[in-house]
Amino acid sequence: MYARSNTIQGDPASVDAGIAYVRDEVMPLLTGMEGCIGLSMLADRETGRCIVTSAWRDEAAMHASAEGVRESRRRAAEVFGGTPEVREWEIAMLHRAHEAPEGACTRVTWTRFEPERADEILDVTRTAVLPRLEEYPGFRSASTLVSRGEGMGVTTVTFIDRAAMEATREQARAIRDDLATKLHMAVTDVGEFELVLAHLRVPETV
């Protein structure tokens, strides 16, 4: 399975309008396309940074949709007041312990690594990191997306609410630092967001 992420650094005053546009216009468009298995949206209302991610049954379906989403992406740039950064990923891991309720929040961690270490990193994530995440109070789900050729990854951890997410900041930092040292990864960014749309139908991979 594959995913396309659109990260927009928009105007904070436009976030609500952007959420409405994605919910009412983009989501019906995408979910009506062959091979689409859902959409999610993360939003940071303070900074205006938003991430809209569509999931696809396979790489061919994702690429076949590219022309069909071009106009909606242009319109989204107008609504949000920013230009999307588009990336394509392999969905390497997804574990959903519980459904995410309204008010759920997500911590996103971006990493860079040596491409040949991708499988090793994913194995450690599944066998060593995920069990620790599941112990967090309020844990709902976790996923890891990778771009193997570029040596890039992004991991999301979703919590029942903002308080649960904030309560794990120090533990999460310790895990990141430990993995970065052991696996020779670089943590390039960490963000915390509201999970404003959660309509992914991606099956479990763990």
C-alpha atoms as a PDB file:
ATOM      1  CA  MET A   1       0.000   0.000   0.000  1.00  0.00           C
ATOM      2  CA  TYR A   2       1.114   3.549  -0.699  1.00  0.00           C
ATOM      3  CA  ALA A   3       0.354   7.104   0.405  1.00  0.00           C
ATOM      4  CA  ARG A   4       0.666  10.610  -0.968  1.00  0.00           C
ATOM      5  CA  SER A   5       1.163  13.412   1.540  1.00  0.00           C
ATOM      6  CA  ASN A   6       0.492  17.086   0.893  1.00  0.00           C
ATOM      7  CA  THR A   7       2.093  19.318   3.522  1.00  0.00           C
ATOM      8  CA  ILE A   8       0.976  22.930   3.469  1.00  0.00           C
ATOM      9  CA  GLN A   9       2.432  25.773   5.488  1.00  0.00           C
ATOM     10  CA  GLY A  10      -0.652  27.952   5.316  1.00  0.00           C
ATOM     11  CA  ASP A  11      -2.180  30.935   7.040  1.00  0.00           C
ATOM     12  CA  PRO A  12      -3.395  29.992  10.556  1.00  0.00           C
ATOM     13  CA  ALA A  13      -6.513  32.079   9.934  1.00  0.00           C
ATOM     14  CA  SER A  14      -7.354  29.841   6.968  1.00  0.00           C
ATOM     15  CA  VAL A  15      -7.107  26.459   8.706  1.00  0.00           C
ATOM     16  CA  ASP A  16     -10.841  26.066   9.354  1.00  0.00           C
ATOM     17  CA  ALA A  17     -11.656  26.970   5.754  1.00  0.00           C
ATOM     18  CA  GLY A  18      -9.008  24.489   4.610  1.00  0.00           C
ATOM     19  CA  ILE A  19     -10.461  21.706   6.745  1.00  0.00           C
ATOM     20  CA  ALA A  20     -13.912  22.362   5.287  1.00  0.00           C
ATOM     21  CA  TYR A  21     -12.524  22.316   1.737  1.00  0.00           C
ATOM     22  CA  VAL A  22     -10.718  19.019   2.252  1.00  0.00           C
ATOM     23  CA  ARG A  23     -13.741  17.438   3.968  1.00  0.00           C
ATOM     24  CA  ASP A  24     -16.383  18.645   1.510  1.00  0.00           C
ATOM     25  CA  GLU A  25     -14.497  18.710  -1.802  1.00  0.00           C
ATOM     26  CA  VAL A  26     -11.215  16.799  -1.710  1.00  0.00           C
ATOM     27  CA  MET A  27     -12.294  13.739   0.256  1.00  0.00           C
ATOM     28  CA  PRO A  28     -15.289  12.868  -1.981  1.00  0.00           C
ATOM     29  CA  LEU A  29     -13.099  13.370  -5.058  1.00  0.00           C
ATOM     30  CA  LEU A  30     -10.313  11.107  -3.830  1.00  0.00           C
ATOM     31  CA  THR A  31     -12.408   8.363  -2.290  1.00  0.00           C
ATOM     32  CA  GLY A  32     -14.287   8.071  -5.566  1.00  0.00           C
ATOM     33  CA  MET A  33     -11.067   7.243  -7.427  1.00  0.00           C
ATOM     34  CA  GLU A  34     -10.082   3.676  -8.243  1.00  0.00           C
ATOM     35  CA  GLY A  35      -7.722   2.251  -5.643  1.00  0.00           C
ATOM     36  CA  CYS A  36      -8.116   4.983  -3.013  1.00  0.00           C
ATOM     37  CA  ILE A  37      -8.411   3.543   0.497  1.00  0.00           C
ATOM     38  CA  GLY A  38      -8.993   6.712   2.457  1.00  0.00           C
ATOM     39  CA  LEU A  39      -7.761  10.098   3.578  1.00  0.00           C
ATOM     40  CA  SER A  40      -6.584  11.771   6.761  1.00  0.00           C
ATOM     41  CA  MET A  41      -5.803  15.354   7.684  1.00  0.00           C
ATOM     42  CA  LEU A  42      -3.631  16.784  10.453  1.00  0.00           C
ATOM     43  CA  ALA A  43      -3.737  20.458  11.420  1.00  0.00           C
ATOM     44  CA  ASP A  44      -1.698  22.757  13.635  1.00  0.00           C
ATOM     45  CA  ARG A  45      -3.975  25.731  14.133  1.00  0.00           C
ATOM     46  CA  GLU A  46      -1.250  27.837  15.747  1.00  0.00           C
ATOM     47  CA  THR A  47       1.265  27.622  12.908  1.00  0.00           C
ATOM     48  CA  GLY A  48      -1.044  26.881   9.973  1.00  0.00           C
ATOM     49  CA  ARG A  49       0.853  23.737   9.023  1.00  0.00           C
ATOM     50  CA  CYS A  50      -1.476  21.018   7.725  1.00  0.00           C
ATOM     51  CA  ILE A  51      -0.892  17.563   6.247  1.00  0.00           C
ATOM     52  CA  VAL A  52      -3.416  15.862   3.999  1.00  0.00           C
ATOM     53  CA  THR A  53      -2.590  12.217   3.255  1.00  0.00           C
ATOM     54  CA  SER A  54      -4.371   9.909   0.822  1.00  0.00           C
ATOM     55  CA  ALA A  55      -3.825   6.138   0.923  1.00  0.00           C
ATOM     56  CA  TRP A  56      -3.795   3.871  -2.122  1.00  0.00           C
ATOM     57  CA  ARG A  57      -4.116   0.147  -2.740  1.00  0.00           C
ATOM     58  CA  ASP A  58      -0.891   0.100  -4.778  1.00  0.00           C
ATOM     59  CA  GLU A  59       1.656   2.362  -6.417  1.00  0.00           C
ATOM     60  CA  ALA A  60      -0.049   2.152  -9.819  1.00  0.00           C
ATOM     61  CA  ALA A  61      -3.345   3.470  -8.434  1.00  0.00           C
ATOM     62  CA  MET A  62      -1.564   6.320  -6.679  1.00  0.00           C
ATOM     63  CA  HIS A  63       0.242   7.376  -9.848  1.00  0.00           C
ATOM     64  CA  ALA A  64      -2.921   7.029 -11.947  1.00  0.00           C
ATOM     65  CA  SER A  65      -4.655   9.578  -9.692  1.00  0.00           C
ATOM     66  CA  ALA A  66      -2.027  12.297 -10.167  1.00  0.00           C
ATOM     67  CA  GLU A  67      -3.738  14.177 -12.971  1.00  0.00           C
ATOM     68  CA  GLY A  68      -7.151  13.936 -11.332  1.00  0.00           C
ATOM     69  CA  VAL A  69      -5.993  15.712  -8.152  1.00  0.00           C
ATOM     70  CA  ARG A  70      -4.028  18.487  -9.826  1.00  0.00           C
ATOM     71  CA  GLU A  71      -6.855  21.041  -9.850  1.00  0.00           C
ATOM     72  CA  SER A  72      -7.955  20.297  -6.295  1.00  0.00           C
ATOM     73  CA  ARG A  73      -4.369  20.784  -5.116  1.00  0.00           C
ATOM     74  CA  ARG A  74      -4.209  24.155  -6.874  1.00  0.00           C
ATOM     75  CA  ARG A  75      -7.462  25.180  -5.219  1.00  0.00           C
ATOM     76  CA  ALA A  76      -6.237  23.958  -1.829  1.00  0.00           C
ATOM     77  CA  ALA A  77      -3.200  26.226  -2.153  1.00  0.00           C
ATOM     78  CA  GLU A  78      -5.547  29.170  -2.596  1.00  0.00           C
ATOM     79  CA  VAL A  79      -7.741  28.203   0.368  1.00  0.00           C
ATOM     80  CA  PHE A  80      -4.869  27.519   2.755  1.00  0.00           C
ATOM     81  CA  GLY A  81      -2.665  30.362   1.594  1.00  0.00           C
ATOM     82  CA  GLY A  82       0.358  28.136   0.965  1.00  0.00           C
ATOM     83  CA  THR A  83       1.866  25.800  -1.610  1.00  0.00           C
ATOM     84  CA  PRO A  84       1.683  22.045  -0.860  1.00  0.00           C
ATOM     85  CA  GLU A  85       4.858  19.970  -0.647  1.00  0.00           C
ATOM     86  CA  VAL A  86       3.931  16.616  -2.201  1.00  0.00           C
ATOM     87  CA  ARG A  87       5.650  13.352  -1.315  1.00  0.00           C
ATOM     88  CA  GLU A  88       4.934   9.700  -2.092  1.00  0.00           C
ATOM     89  CA  TRP A  89       5.464   6.913   0.434  1.00  0.00           C
ATOM     90  CA  GLU A  90       5.224   3.192   0.983  1.00  0.00           C
ATOM     91  CA  ILE A  91       2.956   2.362   3.943  1.00  0.00           C
ATOM     92  CA  ALA A  92       5.387   0.102   5.746  1.00  0.00           C
ATOM     93  CA  MET A  93       3.558  -0.287   9.068  1.00  0.00           C
ATOM     94  CA  LEU A  94       0.143   0.520  10.449  1.00  0.00           C
ATOM     95  CA  HIS A  95      -1.236  -0.594  13.801  1.00  0.00           C
ATOM     96  CA  ARG A  96      -4.630   0.571  15.004  1.00  0.00           C
ATOM     97  CA  ALA A  97      -5.282  -0.400  18.643  1.00  0.00           C
ATOM     98  CA  HIS A  98      -8.434   1.733  18.895  1.00  0.00           C
ATOM     99  CA  GLU A  99     -10.384   4.064  16.650  1.00  0.00           C
ATOM    100  CA  ALA A 100      -9.425   7.733  16.993  1.00  0.00           C
ATOM    101  CA  PRO A 101     -12.254   9.790  18.517  1.00  0.00           C
ATOM    102  CA  GLU A 102     -13.035  13.442  17.903  1.00  0.00           C
ATOM    103  CA  GLY A 103     -10.337  15.468  19.638  1.00  0.00           C
ATOM    104  CA  ALA A 104      -7.563  12.951  18.905  1.00  0.00           C
ATOM    105  CA  CYS A 105      -4.055  14.325  18.345  1.00  0.00           C
ATOM    106  CA  THR A 106      -1.020  13.002  16.489  1.00  0.00           C
ATOM    107  CA  ARG A 107       2.729  13.375  16.903  1.00  0.00           C
ATOM    108  CA  VAL A 108       4.644  13.160  13.622  1.00  0.00           C
ATOM    109  CA  THR A 109       8.386  12.424  13.422  1.00  0.00           C
ATOM    110  CA  TRP A 110      10.392  12.795  10.200  1.00  0.00           C
ATOM    111  CA  THR A 111      13.699  10.948   9.785  1.00  0.00           C
ATOM    112  CA  ARG A 112      16.522  10.390   7.337  1.00  0.00           C
ATOM    113  CA  PHE A 113      18.574   7.206   7.172  1.00  0.00           C
ATOM    114  CA  GLU A 114      20.885   5.219   4.944  1.00  0.00           C
ATOM    115  CA  PRO A 115      18.584   3.605   2.349  1.00  0.00           C
ATOM    116  CA  GLU A 116      20.099   0.166   2.842  1.00  0.00           C
ATOM    117  CA  ARG A 117      19.064   0.267   6.525  1.00  0.00           C
ATOM    118  CA  ALA A 118      15.330   0.657   5.787  1.00  0.00           C
ATOM    119  CA  ASP A 119      14.381  -2.955   6.551  1.00  0.00           C
ATOM    120  CA  GLU A 120      16.430  -2.985   9.747  1.00  0.00           C
ATOM    121  CA  ILE A 121      14.773   0.218  10.952  1.00  0.00           C
ATOM    122  CA  LEU A 122      11.298  -1.103  10.169  1.00  0.00           C
ATOM    123  CA  ASP A 123      12.018  -4.365  11.987  1.00  0.00           C
ATOM    124  CA  VAL A 124      13.144  -2.486  15.112  1.00  0.00           C
ATOM    125  CA  THR A 125      10.097  -0.234  14.891  1.00  0.00           C
ATOM    126  CA  ARG A 126       7.721  -3.204  14.788  1.00  0.00           C
ATOM    127  CA  THR A 127       9.399  -5.388  17.399  1.00  0.00           C
ATOM    128  CA  ALA A 128      10.881  -2.908  19.880  1.00  0.00           C
ATOM    129  CA  VAL A 129       9.256   0.508  19.474  1.00  0.00           C
ATOM    130  CA  LEU A 130       5.613  -0.394  18.884  1.00  0.00           C
ATOM    131  CA  PRO A 131       5.247  -2.387  22.135  1.00  0.00           C
ATOM    132  CA  ARG A 132       6.516   0.663  24.044  1.00  0.00           C
ATOM    133  CA  LEU A 133       4.089   2.952  22.256  1.00  0.00           C
ATOM    134  CA  GLU A 134       1.168   0.680  23.118  1.00  0.00           C
ATOM    135  CA  GLU A 135       1.921   1.228  26.806  1.00  0.00           C
ATOM    136  CA  TYR A 136       1.258   4.956  26.513  1.00  0.00           C
ATOM    137  CA  PRO A 137      -1.995   5.988  28.216  1.00  0.00           C
ATOM    138  CA  GLY A 138      -4.384   7.158  25.521  1.00  0.00           C
ATOM    139  CA  PHE A 139      -2.532   5.433  22.662  1.00  0.00           C
ATOM    140  CA  ARG A 140      -4.739   4.879  19.615  1.00  0.00           C
ATOM    141  CA  SER A 141      -2.586   4.025  16.573  1.00  0.00           C
ATOM    142  CA  ALA A 142       0.828   4.236  14.950  1.00  0.00           C
ATOM    143  CA  SER A 143       2.100   4.165  11.395  1.00  0.00           C
ATOM    144  CA  THR A 144       5.393   4.369   9.549  1.00  0.00           C
ATOM    145  CA  LEU A 145       5.761   5.516   5.947  1.00  0.00           C
ATOM    146  CA  VAL A 146       9.047   5.232   4.057  1.00  0.00           C
ATOM    147  CA  SER A 147      10.649   6.409   0.865  1.00  0.00           C
ATOM    148  CA  ARG A 148      13.300   3.729   0.562  1.00  0.00           C
ATOM    149  CA  GLY A 149      15.229   5.223  -2.326  1.00  0.00           C
ATOM    150  CA  GLU A 150      15.537   8.600  -0.635  1.00  0.00           C
ATOM    151  CA  GLY A 151      16.237   7.202   2.820  1.00  0.00           C
ATOM    152  CA  MET A 152      13.330   9.094   4.372  1.00  0.00           C
ATOM    153  CA  GLY A 153      10.669   8.051   6.844  1.00  0.00           C
ATOM    154  CA  VAL A 154       7.760   9.509   8.760  1.00  0.00           C
ATOM    155  CA  THR A 155       6.166   7.970  11.839  1.00  0.00           C
ATOM    156  CA  THR A 156       2.830   9.001  13.326  1.00  0.00           C
ATOM    157  CA  VAL A 157       1.524   8.199  16.796  1.00  0.00           C
ATOM    158  CA  THR A 158      -2.086   9.097  17.568  1.00  0.00           C
ATOM    159  CA  PHE A 159      -3.528   9.667  21.035  1.00  0.00           C
ATOM    160  CA  ILE A 160      -7.029  10.002  22.427  1.00  0.00           C
ATOM    161  CA  ASP A 161      -6.540  13.718  23.107  1.00  0.00           C
ATOM    162  CA  ARG A 162      -3.962  16.481  23.371  1.00  0.00           C
ATOM    163  CA  ALA A 163      -3.315  15.906  27.070  1.00  0.00           C
ATOM    164  CA  ALA A 164      -2.339  12.287  26.440  1.00  0.00           C
ATOM    165  CA  MET A 165      -0.019  13.329  23.603  1.00  0.00           C
ATOM    166  CA  GLU A 166       1.660  16.063  25.638  1.00  0.00           C
ATOM    167  CA  ALA A 167       2.158  13.725  28.599  1.00  0.00           C
ATOM    168  CA  THR A 168       4.424  11.477  26.499  1.00  0.00           C
ATOM    169  CA  ARG A 169       6.784  14.129  25.120  1.00  0.00           C
ATOM    170  CA  GLU A 170       9.771  13.216  27.270  1.00  0.00           C
ATOM    171  CA  GLN A 171       9.328   9.471  26.733  1.00  0.00           C
ATOM    172  CA  ALA A 172       9.028  10.018  22.991  1.00  0.00           C
ATOM    173  CA  ARG A 173      12.163  12.148  22.940  1.00  0.00           C
ATOM    174  CA  ALA A 174      14.108   9.426  24.771  1.00  0.00           C
ATOM    175  CA  ILE A 175      12.971   6.783  22.257  1.00  0.00           C
ATOM    176  CA  ARG A 176      13.916   9.028  19.302  1.00  0.00           C
ATOM    177  CA  ASP A 177      17.351   9.751  20.705  1.00  0.00           C
ATOM    178  CA  ASP A 178      17.993   6.082  21.433  1.00  0.00           C
ATOM    179  CA  LEU A 179      16.965   4.953  17.950  1.00  0.00           C
ATOM    180  CA  ALA A 180      18.854   7.728  16.221  1.00  0.00           C
ATOM    181  CA  THR A 181      22.054   6.608  17.953  1.00  0.00           C
ATOM    182  CA  LYS A 182      21.594   2.863  17.448  1.00  0.00           C
ATOM    183  CA  LEU A 183      20.344   2.987  13.855  1.00  0.00           C
ATOM    184  CA  HIS A 184      22.344   5.976  12.590  1.00  0.00           C
ATOM    185  CA  MET A 185      19.208   7.959  11.794  1.00  0.00           C
ATOM    186  CA  ALA A 186      18.724  11.706  11.808  1.00  0.00           C
ATOM    187  CA  VAL A 187      15.501  13.108  13.245  1.00  0.00           C
ATOM    188  CA  THR A 188      14.787  16.049  10.939  1.00  0.00           C
ATOM    189  CA  ASP A 189      11.509  17.347  12.394  1.00  0.00           C
ATOM    190  CA  VAL A 190       8.833  16.645  14.995  1.00  0.00           C
ATOM    191  CA  GLY A 191       5.336  18.127  14.959  1.00  0.00           C
ATOM    192  CA  GLU A 192       2.168  17.830  17.011  1.00  0.00           C
ATOM    193  CA  PHE A 193      -1.226  18.140  15.336  1.00  0.00           C
ATOM    194  CA  GLU A 194      -4.952  17.743  15.711  1.00  0.00           C
ATOM    195  CA  LEU A 195      -6.290  14.760  13.791  1.00  0.00           C
ATOM    196  CA  VAL A 196      -9.139  16.641  12.140  1.00  0.00           C
ATOM    197  CA  LEU A 197     -10.111  14.015   9.529  1.00  0.00           C
ATOM    198  CA  ALA A 198      -9.584  10.288   9.992  1.00  0.00           C
ATOM    199  CA  HIS A 199     -11.066   8.299   7.138  1.00  0.00           C
ATOM    200  CA  LEU A 200      -8.317   5.808   6.328  1.00  0.00           C
ATOM    201  CA  ARG A 201      -9.391   2.279   5.484  1.00  0.00           C
ATOM    202  CA  VAL A 202      -5.847   0.928   5.441  1.00  0.00           C
ATOM    203  CA  PRO A 203      -5.744  -2.615   6.891  1.00  0.00           C
ATOM    204  CA  GLU A 204      -3.412  -3.592   9.708  1.00  0.00           C
ATOM    205  CA  THR A 205       0.132  -4.515   8.735  1.00  0.00           C
ATOM    206  CA  VAL A 206       1.270  -5.694  12.173  1.00  0.00           C
END
